[in-house]
């Protein structure tokens, strides 16, 4: 049994396929200062959720406290969203008002 391949020659493709290899956009996770969340809690969240060292977490916490906010990490959208939600859930379950926002880089 042979297959006739002449039929395929009649097909003309007019469309061009465009390949977009752009890197996915990154998002900044930003902590905002408030007057109720303890500094020790913020340091622990930065260590546990964002995997910062004690020194880096402490430095970031002081920057948040002194400047009003600080970028604590830059991630793909899904990871930034997940870490933001985890932070807010931890904060609320411990009775704190820590605010987190995301901005496109």
C-alpha atoms as a PDB file:
ATOM      1  CA  UNK A   1       0.000   0.000   0.000  1.00  0.00           C
ATOM      2  CA  UNK A   2       1.562   3.287  -1.017  1.00  0.00           C
ATOM      3  CA  UNK A   3       0.575   6.750   0.114  1.00  0.00           C
ATOM      4  CA  UNK A   4       0.191   9.446  -2.490  1.00  0.00           C
ATOM      5  CA  UNK A   5       2.146  12.509  -1.341  1.00  0.00           C
ATOM      6  CA  UNK A   6       1.156  14.690  -4.302  1.00  0.00           C
ATOM      7  CA  UNK A   7      -1.841  15.976  -2.345  1.00  0.00           C
ATOM      8  CA  UNK A   8       0.438  17.743   0.145  1.00  0.00           C
ATOM      9  CA  UNK A   9       2.000  19.825  -2.661  1.00  0.00           C
ATOM     10  CA  UNK A  10      -1.329  21.652  -3.134  1.00  0.00           C
ATOM     11  CA  UNK A  11      -1.291  23.138   0.384  1.00  0.00           C
ATOM     12  CA  UNK A  12       0.066  26.678   0.630  1.00  0.00           C
ATOM     13  CA  UNK A  13       0.742  28.233   4.002  1.00  0.00           C
ATOM     14  CA  UNK A  14       0.409  32.025   4.022  1.00  0.00           C
ATOM     15  CA  UNK A  15       0.900  32.588   7.741  1.00  0.00           C
ATOM     16  CA  UNK A  16       4.248  33.233   9.296  1.00  0.00           C
ATOM     17  CA  UNK A  17       4.856  31.896  12.764  1.00  0.00           C
ATOM     18  CA  UNK A  18       6.397  34.438  15.088  1.00  0.00           C
ATOM     19  CA  UNK A  19       8.474  33.057  17.917  1.00  0.00           C
ATOM     20  CA  UNK A  20       8.727  35.330  20.936  1.00  0.00           C
ATOM     21  CA  UNK A  21      11.597  34.355  23.196  1.00  0.00           C
ATOM     22  CA  UNK A  22      11.238  37.306  25.544  1.00  0.00           C
ATOM     23  CA  UNK A  23      12.041  36.718  29.180  1.00  0.00           C
ATOM     24  CA  UNK A  24       9.001  36.716  31.465  1.00  0.00           C
ATOM     25  CA  UNK A  25       8.507  39.969  33.296  1.00  0.00           C
ATOM     26  CA  UNK A  26       9.742  40.215  36.845  1.00  0.00           C
ATOM     27  CA  UNK A  27       7.842  41.642  39.808  1.00  0.00           C
ATOM     28  CA  UNK A  28       9.153  43.372  42.903  1.00  0.00           C
ATOM     29  CA  UNK A  29       7.721  42.363  46.273  1.00  0.00           C
ATOM     30  CA  UNK A  30       7.667  45.435  48.503  1.00  0.00           C
ATOM     31  CA  UNK A  31       7.074  45.585  52.261  1.00  0.00           C
ATOM     32  CA  UNK A  32       5.488  48.750  53.628  1.00  0.00           C
ATOM     33  CA  UNK A  33       6.207  50.116  57.079  1.00  0.00           C
ATOM     34  CA  UNK A  34       3.488  50.203  59.715  1.00  0.00           C
ATOM     35  CA  UNK A  35       3.603  51.088  63.386  1.00  0.00           C
ATOM     36  CA  UNK A  36       2.197  47.818  64.715  1.00  0.00           C
ATOM     37  CA  UNK A  37       4.162  44.920  63.202  1.00  0.00           C
ATOM     38  CA  UNK A  38       7.178  44.055  65.381  1.00  0.00           C
ATOM     39  CA  UNK A  39      10.615  44.261  63.799  1.00  0.00           C
ATOM     40  CA  UNK A  40      11.419  40.702  64.957  1.00  0.00           C
ATOM     41  CA  UNK A  41       8.370  39.378  63.093  1.00  0.00           C
ATOM     42  CA  UNK A  42       9.382  41.110  59.857  1.00  0.00           C
ATOM     43  CA  UNK A  43      12.909  39.698  60.150  1.00  0.00           C
ATOM     44  CA  UNK A  44      11.502  36.187  60.625  1.00  0.00           C
ATOM     45  CA  UNK A  45       9.175  36.500  57.623  1.00  0.00           C
ATOM     46  CA  UNK A  46      12.082  37.661  55.475  1.00  0.00           C
ATOM     47  CA  UNK A  47      14.103  34.663  56.645  1.00  0.00           C
ATOM     48  CA  UNK A  48      11.364  32.040  56.331  1.00  0.00           C
ATOM     49  CA  UNK A  49       9.431  33.133  53.250  1.00  0.00           C
ATOM     50  CA  UNK A  50      12.085  35.013  51.279  1.00  0.00           C
ATOM     51  CA  UNK A  51      15.106  32.946  52.419  1.00  0.00           C
ATOM     52  CA  UNK A  52      17.233  35.959  53.407  1.00  0.00           C
ATOM     53  CA  UNK A  53      20.093  35.587  55.874  1.00  0.00           C
ATOM     54  CA  UNK A  54      19.665  37.082  59.337  1.00  0.00           C
ATOM     55  CA  UNK A  55      21.947  39.981  58.365  1.00  0.00           C
ATOM     56  CA  UNK A  56      20.129  40.765  55.119  1.00  0.00           C
ATOM     57  CA  UNK A  57      16.705  40.387  56.740  1.00  0.00           C
ATOM     58  CA  UNK A  58      17.735  42.762  59.531  1.00  0.00           C
ATOM     59  CA  UNK A  59      19.117  45.317  57.056  1.00  0.00           C
ATOM     60  CA  UNK A  60      15.938  45.171  54.938  1.00  0.00           C
ATOM     61  CA  UNK A  61      13.741  45.522  58.024  1.00  0.00           C
ATOM     62  CA  UNK A  62      15.620  48.613  59.152  1.00  0.00           C
ATOM     63  CA  UNK A  63      15.316  50.102  55.653  1.00  0.00           C
ATOM     64  CA  UNK A  64      11.548  49.441  55.723  1.00  0.00           C
ATOM     65  CA  UNK A  65      11.335  51.068  59.155  1.00  0.00           C
ATOM     66  CA  UNK A  66      13.426  54.115  58.258  1.00  0.00           C
ATOM     67  CA  UNK A  67      12.383  54.739  54.635  1.00  0.00           C
ATOM     68  CA  UNK A  68       8.786  53.514  54.725  1.00  0.00           C
ATOM     69  CA  UNK A  69       9.216  50.618  52.303  1.00  0.00           C
ATOM     70  CA  UNK A  70      11.742  48.328  50.667  1.00  0.00           C
ATOM     71  CA  UNK A  71      11.938  45.798  47.868  1.00  0.00           C
ATOM     72  CA  UNK A  72      12.473  42.427  49.555  1.00  0.00           C
ATOM     73  CA  UNK A  73      12.676  40.300  46.414  1.00  0.00           C
ATOM     74  CA  UNK A  74      12.241  40.208  42.637  1.00  0.00           C
ATOM     75  CA  UNK A  75      10.558  37.169  41.095  1.00  0.00           C
ATOM     76  CA  UNK A  76       8.368  35.921  38.293  1.00  0.00           C
ATOM     77  CA  UNK A  77       4.728  36.931  38.733  1.00  0.00           C
ATOM     78  CA  UNK A  78       3.626  33.573  40.143  1.00  0.00           C
ATOM     79  CA  UNK A  79       6.394  33.376  42.736  1.00  0.00           C
ATOM     80  CA  UNK A  80       6.005  37.028  43.761  1.00  0.00           C
ATOM     81  CA  UNK A  81       2.268  36.526  44.191  1.00  0.00           C
ATOM     82  CA  UNK A  82       2.735  33.322  46.181  1.00  0.00           C
ATOM     83  CA  UNK A  83       5.284  34.897  48.544  1.00  0.00           C
ATOM     84  CA  UNK A  84       3.090  37.988  48.986  1.00  0.00           C
ATOM     85  CA  UNK A  85       0.046  35.903  49.887  1.00  0.00           C
ATOM     86  CA  UNK A  86       2.067  33.715  52.250  1.00  0.00           C
ATOM     87  CA  UNK A  87       3.423  36.834  53.980  1.00  0.00           C
ATOM     88  CA  UNK A  88      -0.010  38.416  54.370  1.00  0.00           C
ATOM     89  CA  UNK A  89      -1.494  35.168  55.689  1.00  0.00           C
ATOM     90  CA  UNK A  90       1.326  34.796  58.250  1.00  0.00           C
ATOM     91  CA  UNK A  91       0.930  38.410  59.283  1.00  0.00           C
ATOM     92  CA  UNK A  92      -2.834  38.227  59.739  1.00  0.00           C
ATOM     93  CA  UNK A  93      -2.730  34.885  61.543  1.00  0.00           C
ATOM     94  CA  UNK A  94      -0.327  36.489  64.037  1.00  0.00           C
ATOM     95  CA  UNK A  95      -2.498  39.590  64.432  1.00  0.00           C
ATOM     96  CA  UNK A  96      -0.263  42.016  62.522  1.00  0.00           C
ATOM     97  CA  UNK A  97      -1.044  44.531  59.779  1.00  0.00           C
ATOM     98  CA  UNK A  98       2.078  44.110  57.632  1.00  0.00           C
ATOM     99  CA  UNK A  99       1.330  45.383  54.126  1.00  0.00           C
ATOM    100  CA  UNK A 100       2.859  43.906  50.979  1.00  0.00           C
ATOM    101  CA  UNK A 101       2.567  45.102  47.408  1.00  0.00           C
ATOM    102  CA  UNK A 102       3.843  43.941  44.039  1.00  0.00           C
ATOM    103  CA  UNK A 103       5.115  46.142  41.228  1.00  0.00           C
ATOM    104  CA  UNK A 104       6.259  45.208  37.771  1.00  0.00           C
ATOM    105  CA  UNK A 105       9.987  45.755  37.388  1.00  0.00           C
END
